[in-house]
PDB file of N, CA and C in Angstrom:
ATOM      1  N   MET A   1       5.184   1.822  13.228  1.00  0.00           N
ATOM      2  CA  MET A   1       5.291   0.596  12.472  1.00  0.00           C
ATOM      3  C   MET A   1       6.240   0.837  11.289  1.00  0.00           C
ATOM      4  N   THR A   2       7.127  -0.094  11.049  1.00  0.00           N
ATOM      5  CA  THR A   2       8.081   0.051   9.959  1.00  0.00           C
ATOM      6  C   THR A   2       7.469  -0.387   8.633  1.00  0.00           C
ATOM      7  N   ARG A   3       8.126  -0.048   7.551  1.00  0.00           N
ATOM      8  CA  ARG A   3       7.688  -0.449   6.214  1.00  0.00           C
ATOM      9  C   ARG A   3       7.656  -1.972   6.116  1.00  0.00           C
ATOM     10  N   ASP A   4       8.691  -2.637   6.623  1.00  0.00           N
ATOM     11  CA  ASP A   4       8.736  -4.099   6.571  1.00  0.00           C
ATOM     12  C   ASP A   4       7.588  -4.733   7.347  1.00  0.00           C
ATOM     13  N   GLN A   5       7.231  -4.161   8.494  1.00  0.00           N
ATOM     14  CA  GLN A   5       6.109  -4.679   9.281  1.00  0.00           C
ATOM     15  C   GLN A   5       4.793  -4.494   8.526  1.00  0.00           C
ATOM     16  N   MET A   6       4.649  -3.351   7.861  1.00  0.00           N
ATOM     17  CA  MET A   6       3.434  -3.105   7.075  1.00  0.00           C
ATOM     18  C   MET A   6       3.322  -4.129   5.951  1.00  0.00           C
ATOM     19  N   ILE A   7       4.412  -4.370   5.252  1.00  0.00           N
ATOM     20  CA  ILE A   7       4.402  -5.333   4.150  1.00  0.00           C
ATOM     21  C   ILE A   7       4.083  -6.733   4.665  1.00  0.00           C
ATOM     22  N   GLU A   8       4.628  -7.091   5.808  1.00  0.00           N
ATOM     23  CA  GLU A   8       4.336  -8.401   6.409  1.00  0.00           C
ATOM     24  C   GLU A   8       2.846  -8.534   6.711  1.00  0.00           C
ATOM     25  N   GLU A   9       2.250  -7.494   7.292  1.00  0.00           N
ATOM     26  CA  GLU A   9       0.815  -7.507   7.604  1.00  0.00           C
ATOM     27  C   GLU A   9      -0.020  -7.572   6.322  1.00  0.00           C
ATOM     28  N   LEU A  10       0.393  -6.868   5.290  1.00  0.00           N
ATOM     29  CA  LEU A  10      -0.336  -6.879   4.021  1.00  0.00           C
ATOM     30  C   LEU A  10      -0.294  -8.255   3.369  1.00  0.00           C
ATOM     31  N   HIS A  11       0.805  -8.974   3.531  1.00  0.00           N
ATOM     32  CA  HIS A  11       0.889 -10.339   3.001  1.00  0.00           C
ATOM     33  C   HIS A  11       0.003 -11.301   3.794  1.00  0.00           C
ATOM     34  N   ALA A  12      -0.281 -10.973   5.058  1.00  0.00           N
ATOM     35  CA  ALA A  12      -1.076 -11.848   5.925  1.00  0.00           C
ATOM     36  C   ALA A  12      -2.585 -11.651   5.746  1.00  0.00           C
ATOM     37  N   GLY A  13      -3.004 -10.460   5.283  1.00  0.00           N
ATOM     38  CA  GLY A  13      -4.433 -10.217   5.175  1.00  0.00           C
ATOM     39  C   GLY A  13      -4.751  -8.846   4.627  1.00  0.00           C
ATOM     40  N   ILE A  14      -6.008  -8.440   4.821  1.00  0.00           N
ATOM     41  CA  ILE A  14      -6.472  -7.130   4.367  1.00  0.00           C
ATOM     42  C   ILE A  14      -6.248  -6.127   5.489  1.00  0.00           C
ATOM     43  N   CYS A  15      -5.631  -5.011   5.151  1.00  0.00           N
ATOM     44  CA  CYS A  15      -5.334  -3.972   6.128  1.00  0.00           C
ATOM     45  C   CYS A  15      -6.041  -2.679   5.744  1.00  0.00           C
ATOM     46  N   THR A  16      -6.342  -1.884   6.747  1.00  0.00           N
ATOM     47  CA  THR A  16      -6.901  -0.558   6.521  1.00  0.00           C
ATOM     48  C   THR A  16      -5.818   0.452   6.845  1.00  0.00           C
ATOM     49  N   VAL A  17      -5.500   1.281   5.865  1.00  0.00           N
ATOM     50  CA  VAL A  17      -4.442   2.277   6.024  1.00  0.00           C
ATOM     51  C   VAL A  17      -5.062   3.661   5.884  1.00  0.00           C
ATOM     52  N   VAL A  18      -4.831   4.503   6.873  1.00  0.00           N
ATOM     53  CA  VAL A  18      -5.255   5.897   6.816  1.00  0.00           C
ATOM     54  C   VAL A  18      -3.979   6.717   6.664  1.00  0.00           C
ATOM     55  N   PHE A  19      -3.936   7.539   5.626  1.00  0.00           N
ATOM     56  CA  PHE A  19      -2.727   8.314   5.357  1.00  0.00           C
ATOM     57  C   PHE A  19      -3.078   9.632   4.676  1.00  0.00           C
ATOM     58  N   ASP A  20      -2.125  10.558   4.707  1.00  0.00           N
ATOM     59  CA  ASP A  20      -2.276  11.822   4.001  1.00  0.00           C
ATOM     60  C   ASP A  20      -1.694  11.661   2.604  1.00  0.00           C
ATOM     61  N   LYS A  21      -2.482  12.014   1.605  1.00  0.00           N
ATOM     62  CA  LYS A  21      -2.013  11.966   0.229  1.00  0.00           C
ATOM     63  C   LYS A  21      -1.064  13.138  -0.009  1.00  0.00           C
ATOM     64  N   VAL A  22      -0.381  13.118  -1.133  1.00  0.00           N
ATOM     65  CA  VAL A  22       0.569  14.178  -1.467  1.00  0.00           C
ATOM     66  C   VAL A  22      -0.117  15.544  -1.508  1.00  0.00           C
ATOM     67  N   ASP A  23      -1.393  15.566  -1.928  1.00  0.00           N
ATOM     68  CA  ASP A  23      -2.114  16.845  -2.003  1.00  0.00           C
ATOM     69  C   ASP A  23      -2.628  17.326  -0.650  1.00  0.00           C
ATOM     70  N   GLY A  24      -2.355  16.538   0.425  1.00  0.00           N
ATOM     71  CA  GLY A  24      -2.737  16.945   1.771  1.00  0.00           C
ATOM     72  C   GLY A  24      -4.056  16.379   2.253  1.00  0.00           C
ATOM     73  N   THR A  25      -4.841  15.765   1.364  1.00  0.00           N
ATOM     74  CA  THR A  25      -6.108  15.185   1.794  1.00  0.00           C
ATOM     75  C   THR A  25      -5.875  13.830   2.454  1.00  0.00           C
ATOM     76  N   GLU A  26      -6.780  13.481   3.348  1.00  0.00           N
ATOM     77  CA  GLU A  26      -6.677  12.195   4.035  1.00  0.00           C
ATOM     78  C   GLU A  26      -7.387  11.118   3.219  1.00  0.00           C
ATOM     79  N   ARG A  27      -6.809   9.939   3.206  1.00  0.00           N
ATOM     80  CA  ARG A  27      -7.387   8.804   2.454  1.00  0.00           C
ATOM     81  C   ARG A  27      -7.385   7.573   3.328  1.00  0.00           C
ATOM     82  N   THR A  28      -8.459   6.801   3.250  1.00  0.00           N
ATOM     83  CA  THR A  28      -8.543   5.504   3.909  1.00  0.00           C
ATOM     84  C   THR A  28      -8.599   4.456   2.815  1.00  0.00           C
ATOM     85  N   MET A  29      -7.691   3.487   2.901  1.00  0.00           N
ATOM     86  CA  MET A  29      -7.602   2.469   1.858  1.00  0.00           C
ATOM     87  C   MET A  29      -7.558   1.081   2.483  1.00  0.00           C
ATOM     88  N   LYS A  30      -8.401   0.198   1.969  1.00  0.00           N
ATOM     89  CA  LYS A  30      -8.350  -1.217   2.349  1.00  0.00           C
ATOM     90  C   LYS A  30      -7.511  -1.902   1.280  1.00  0.00           C
ATOM     91  N   CYS A  31      -6.415  -2.518   1.707  1.00  0.00           N
ATOM     92  CA  CYS A  31      -5.494  -3.076   0.724  1.00  0.00           C
ATOM     93  C   CYS A  31      -4.843  -4.355   1.245  1.00  0.00           C
ATOM     94  N   THR A  32      -4.173  -5.044   0.329  1.00  0.00           N
ATOM     95  CA  THR A  32      -3.545  -6.313   0.673  1.00  0.00           C
ATOM     96  C   THR A  32      -2.410  -6.621  -0.289  1.00  0.00           C
ATOM     97  N   LEU A  33      -1.614  -7.596   0.101  1.00  0.00           N
ATOM     98  CA  LEU A  33      -0.607  -8.208  -0.766  1.00  0.00           C
ATOM     99  C   LEU A  33      -0.731  -9.726  -0.700  1.00  0.00           C
ATOM    100  N   MET A  34      -1.881 -10.223  -0.201  1.00  0.00           N
ATOM    101  CA  MET A  34      -2.093 -11.665  -0.058  1.00  0.00           C
ATOM    102  C   MET A  34      -2.021 -12.366  -1.410  1.00  0.00           C
ATOM    103  N   GLU A  35      -1.270 -13.444  -1.428  1.00  0.00           N
ATOM    104  CA  GLU A  35      -1.185 -14.251  -2.639  1.00  0.00           C
ATOM    105  C   GLU A  35      -2.576 -14.798  -2.960  1.00  0.00           C
ATOM    106  N   GLY A  36      -2.963 -14.728  -4.199  1.00  0.00           N
ATOM    107  CA  GLY A  36      -4.272 -15.198  -4.618  1.00  0.00           C
ATOM    108  C   GLY A  36      -5.330 -14.113  -4.598  1.00  0.00           C
ATOM    109  N   ALA A  37      -5.093 -13.033  -3.861  1.00  0.00           N
ATOM    110  CA  ALA A  37      -6.062 -11.942  -3.791  1.00  0.00           C
ATOM    111  C   ALA A  37      -5.692 -10.793  -4.718  1.00  0.00           C
ATOM    112  N   VAL A  38      -4.478 -10.841  -5.257  1.00  0.00           N
ATOM    113  CA  VAL A  38      -4.010  -9.765  -6.125  1.00  0.00           C
ATOM    114  C   VAL A  38      -3.595 -10.340  -7.478  1.00  0.00           C
ATOM    115  N   PRO A  39      -3.750  -9.552  -8.535  1.00  0.00           N
ATOM    116  CA  PRO A  39      -3.278 -10.015  -9.844  1.00  0.00           C
ATOM    117  C   PRO A  39      -1.757  -9.940  -9.893  1.00  0.00           C
ATOM    118  N   PRO A  40      -1.156 -10.630 -10.825  1.00  0.00           N
ATOM    119  CA  PRO A  40       0.299 -10.549 -10.952  1.00  0.00           C
ATOM    120  C   PRO A  40       0.730  -9.123 -11.251  1.00  0.00           C
ATOM    121  N   ARG A  41       1.814  -8.704 -10.616  1.00  0.00           N
ATOM    122  CA  ARG A  41       2.349  -7.365 -10.882  1.00  0.00           C
ATOM    123  C   ARG A  41       3.252  -7.431 -12.092  1.00  0.00           C
ATOM    124  N   THR A  42       3.137  -6.419 -12.910  1.00  0.00           N
ATOM    125  CA  THR A  42       4.050  -6.293 -14.031  1.00  0.00           C
ATOM    126  C   THR A  42       5.088  -5.248 -13.658  1.00  0.00           C
ATOM    127  N   THR A  43       6.276  -5.434 -14.101  1.00  0.00           N
ATOM    128  CA  THR A  43       7.327  -4.468 -13.824  1.00  0.00           C
ATOM    129  C   THR A  43       7.302  -3.414 -14.910  1.00  0.00           C
ATOM    130  N   ASP A  44       7.200  -2.189 -14.491  1.00  0.00           N
ATOM    131  CA  ASP A  44       7.275  -1.095 -15.447  1.00  0.00           C
ATOM    132  C   ASP A  44       8.166  -0.009 -14.867  1.00  0.00           C
ATOM    133  N   LYS A  45       8.310   1.059 -15.586  1.00  0.00           N
ATOM    134  CA  LYS A  45       9.206   2.126 -15.153  1.00  0.00           C
ATOM    135  C   LYS A  45       8.834   2.652 -13.773  1.00  0.00           C
ATOM    136  N   SER A  46       7.541   2.736 -13.468  1.00  0.00           N
ATOM    137  CA  SER A  46       7.115   3.293 -12.185  1.00  0.00           C
ATOM    138  C   SER A  46       7.593   2.441 -11.005  1.00  0.00           C
ATOM    139  N   ASP A  47       7.766   1.131 -11.212  1.00  0.00           N
ATOM    140  CA  ASP A  47       8.255   0.275 -10.133  1.00  0.00           C
ATOM    141  C   ASP A  47       9.653   0.668  -9.696  1.00  0.00           C
ATOM    142  N   THR A  48      10.475   1.097 -10.614  1.00  0.00           N
ATOM    143  CA  THR A  48      11.845   1.457 -10.264  1.00  0.00           C
ATOM    144  C   THR A  48      11.921   2.800  -9.560  1.00  0.00           C
ATOM    145  N   GLU A  49      10.849   3.572  -9.637  1.00  0.00           N
ATOM    146  CA  GLU A  49      10.839   4.887  -9.007  1.00  0.00           C
ATOM    147  C   GLU A  49      10.423   4.832  -7.543  1.00  0.00           C
ATOM    148  N   TYR A  50       9.919   3.692  -7.093  1.00  0.00           N
ATOM    149  CA  TYR A  50       9.491   3.578  -5.706  1.00  0.00           C
ATOM    150  C   TYR A  50      10.702   3.438  -4.803  1.00  0.00           C
ATOM    151  N   SER A  51      10.629   4.077  -3.654  1.00  0.00           N
ATOM    152  CA  SER A  51      11.743   4.038  -2.722  1.00  0.00           C
ATOM    153  C   SER A  51      11.366   3.219  -1.492  1.00  0.00           C
ATOM    154  N   MET A  52      12.260   3.162  -0.570  1.00  0.00           N
ATOM    155  CA  MET A  52      12.015   2.444   0.678  1.00  0.00           C
ATOM    156  C   MET A  52      11.007   3.190   1.560  1.00  0.00           C
ATOM    157  N   ASN A  53      10.578   4.361   1.153  1.00  0.00           N
ATOM    158  CA  ASN A  53       9.588   5.129   1.915  1.00  0.00           C
ATOM    159  C   ASN A  53       8.173   4.907   1.413  1.00  0.00           C
ATOM    160  N   VAL A  54       8.027   4.055   0.380  1.00  0.00           N
ATOM    161  CA  VAL A  54       6.730   3.863  -0.261  1.00  0.00           C
ATOM    162  C   VAL A  54       6.342   2.387  -0.210  1.00  0.00           C
ATOM    163  N   VAL A  55       5.049   2.142   0.037  1.00  0.00           N
ATOM    164  CA  VAL A  55       4.512   0.785  -0.017  1.00  0.00           C
ATOM    165  C   VAL A  55       3.500   0.756  -1.152  1.00  0.00           C
ATOM    166  N   ARG A  56       3.618  -0.236  -2.010  1.00  0.00           N
ATOM    167  CA  ARG A  56       2.663  -0.429  -3.102  1.00  0.00           C
ATOM    168  C   ARG A  56       1.833  -1.661  -2.773  1.00  0.00           C
ATOM    169  N   ALA A  57       0.503  -1.509  -2.814  1.00  0.00           N
ATOM    170  CA  ALA A  57      -0.402  -2.603  -2.442  1.00  0.00           C
ATOM    171  C   ALA A  57      -1.642  -2.570  -3.325  1.00  0.00           C
ATOM    172  N   TRP A  58      -2.389  -3.685  -3.302  1.00  0.00           N
ATOM    173  CA  TRP A  58      -3.609  -3.809  -4.086  1.00  0.00           C
ATOM    174  C   TRP A  58      -4.778  -3.217  -3.303  1.00  0.00           C
ATOM    175  N   ASP A  59      -5.408  -2.190  -3.855  1.00  0.00           N
ATOM    176  CA  ASP A  59      -6.586  -1.564  -3.253  1.00  0.00           C
ATOM    177  C   ASP A  59      -7.785  -2.449  -3.583  1.00  0.00           C
ATOM    178  N   ILE A  60      -8.357  -3.101  -2.565  1.00  0.00           N
ATOM    179  CA  ILE A  60      -9.420  -4.070  -2.820  1.00  0.00           C
ATOM    180  C   ILE A  60     -10.736  -3.413  -3.212  1.00  0.00           C
ATOM    181  N   GLU A  61     -10.934  -2.161  -2.842  1.00  0.00           N
ATOM    182  CA  GLU A  61     -12.185  -1.473  -3.199  1.00  0.00           C
ATOM    183  C   GLU A  61     -12.129  -0.895  -4.612  1.00  0.00           C
ATOM    184  N   ASN A  62     -10.994  -0.333  -4.992  1.00  0.00           N
ATOM    185  CA  ASN A  62     -10.853   0.259  -6.323  1.00  0.00           C
ATOM    186  C   ASN A  62     -10.239  -0.699  -7.338  1.00  0.00           C
ATOM    187  N   LYS A  63      -9.864  -1.889  -6.861  1.00  0.00           N
ATOM    188  CA  LYS A  63      -9.314  -2.937  -7.724  1.00  0.00           C
ATOM    189  C   LYS A  63      -8.161  -2.431  -8.596  1.00  0.00           C
ATOM    190  N   GLY A  64      -7.148  -1.929  -7.912  1.00  0.00           N
ATOM    191  CA  GLY A  64      -5.974  -1.439  -8.624  1.00  0.00           C
ATOM    192  C   GLY A  64      -4.794  -1.278  -7.686  1.00  0.00           C
ATOM    193  N   TRP A  65      -3.602  -1.219  -8.261  1.00  0.00           N
ATOM    194  CA  TRP A  65      -2.395  -1.004  -7.475  1.00  0.00           C
ATOM    195  C   TRP A  65      -2.336   0.463  -7.069  1.00  0.00           C
ATOM    196  N   ARG A  66      -2.118   0.693  -5.785  1.00  0.00           N
ATOM    197  CA  ARG A  66      -1.988   2.042  -5.244  1.00  0.00           C
ATOM    198  C   ARG A  66      -0.768   2.053  -4.327  1.00  0.00           C
ATOM    199  N   SER A  67      -0.317   3.235  -3.987  1.00  0.00           N
ATOM    200  CA  SER A  67       0.831   3.324  -3.093  1.00  0.00           C
ATOM    201  C   SER A  67       0.599   4.420  -2.051  1.00  0.00           C
ATOM    202  N   PHE A  68       1.346   4.304  -0.971  1.00  0.00           N
ATOM    203  CA  PHE A  68       1.312   5.330   0.070  1.00  0.00           C
ATOM    204  C   PHE A  68       2.700   5.469   0.657  1.00  0.00           C
ATOM    205  N   ARG A  69       2.991   6.662   1.151  1.00  0.00           N
ATOM    206  CA  ARG A  69       4.278   6.928   1.779  1.00  0.00           C
ATOM    207  C   ARG A  69       4.194   6.535   3.260  1.00  0.00           C
ATOM    208  N   VAL A  70       5.187   5.802   3.702  1.00  0.00           N
ATOM    209  CA  VAL A  70       5.222   5.303   5.081  1.00  0.00           C
ATOM    210  C   VAL A  70       5.175   6.461   6.070  1.00  0.00           C
ATOM    211  N   ASP A  71       5.870   7.551   5.779  1.00  0.00           N
ATOM    212  CA  ASP A  71       5.938   8.679   6.706  1.00  0.00           C
ATOM    213  C   ASP A  71       4.648   9.503   6.762  1.00  0.00           C
ATOM    214  N   ARG A  72       3.674   9.178   5.918  1.00  0.00           N
ATOM    215  CA  ARG A  72       2.386   9.875   5.933  1.00  0.00           C
ATOM    216  C   ARG A  72       1.252   9.028   6.506  1.00  0.00           C
ATOM    217  N   VAL A  73       1.588   7.820   6.985  1.00  0.00           N
ATOM    218  CA  VAL A  73       0.566   6.930   7.537  1.00  0.00           C
ATOM    219  C   VAL A  73       0.152   7.417   8.932  1.00  0.00           C
ATOM    220  N   LYS A  74      -1.156   7.559   9.128  1.00  0.00           N
ATOM    221  CA  LYS A  74      -1.712   7.957  10.419  1.00  0.00           C
ATOM    222  C   LYS A  74      -2.160   6.746  11.220  1.00  0.00           C
ATOM    223  N   SER A  75      -2.660   5.727  10.500  1.00  0.00           N
ATOM    224  CA  SER A  75      -3.181   4.537  11.147  1.00  0.00           C
ATOM    225  C   SER A  75      -2.998   3.350  10.222  1.00  0.00           C
ATOM    226  N   PHE A  76      -2.630   2.199  10.796  1.00  0.00           N
ATOM    227  CA  PHE A  76      -2.457   0.986  10.009  1.00  0.00           C
ATOM    228  C   PHE A  76      -3.016  -0.163  10.828  1.00  0.00           C
ATOM    229  N   THR A  77      -4.157  -0.714  10.394  1.00  0.00           N
ATOM    230  CA  THR A  77      -4.782  -1.810  11.137  1.00  0.00           C
ATOM    231  C   THR A  77      -5.151  -2.939  10.203  1.00  0.00           C
TER     232      THR A  77
END
């Protein structure tokens, strides 16, 4: 699945993403980009550091913006 496809799915609903974190541990995150389900994003320095290999989404369980690297995704549903 491409980054653009993941973003499209995140805008459509809540997705479960299983990925390896930078420290090597596995993480399962329920997240979304649905309008109305996420607070407004503010632009800060960290936003400019994200590349086309990273997806930033709202973690619905931890109620915060989180990111994952596309090349570390094991499962996306």
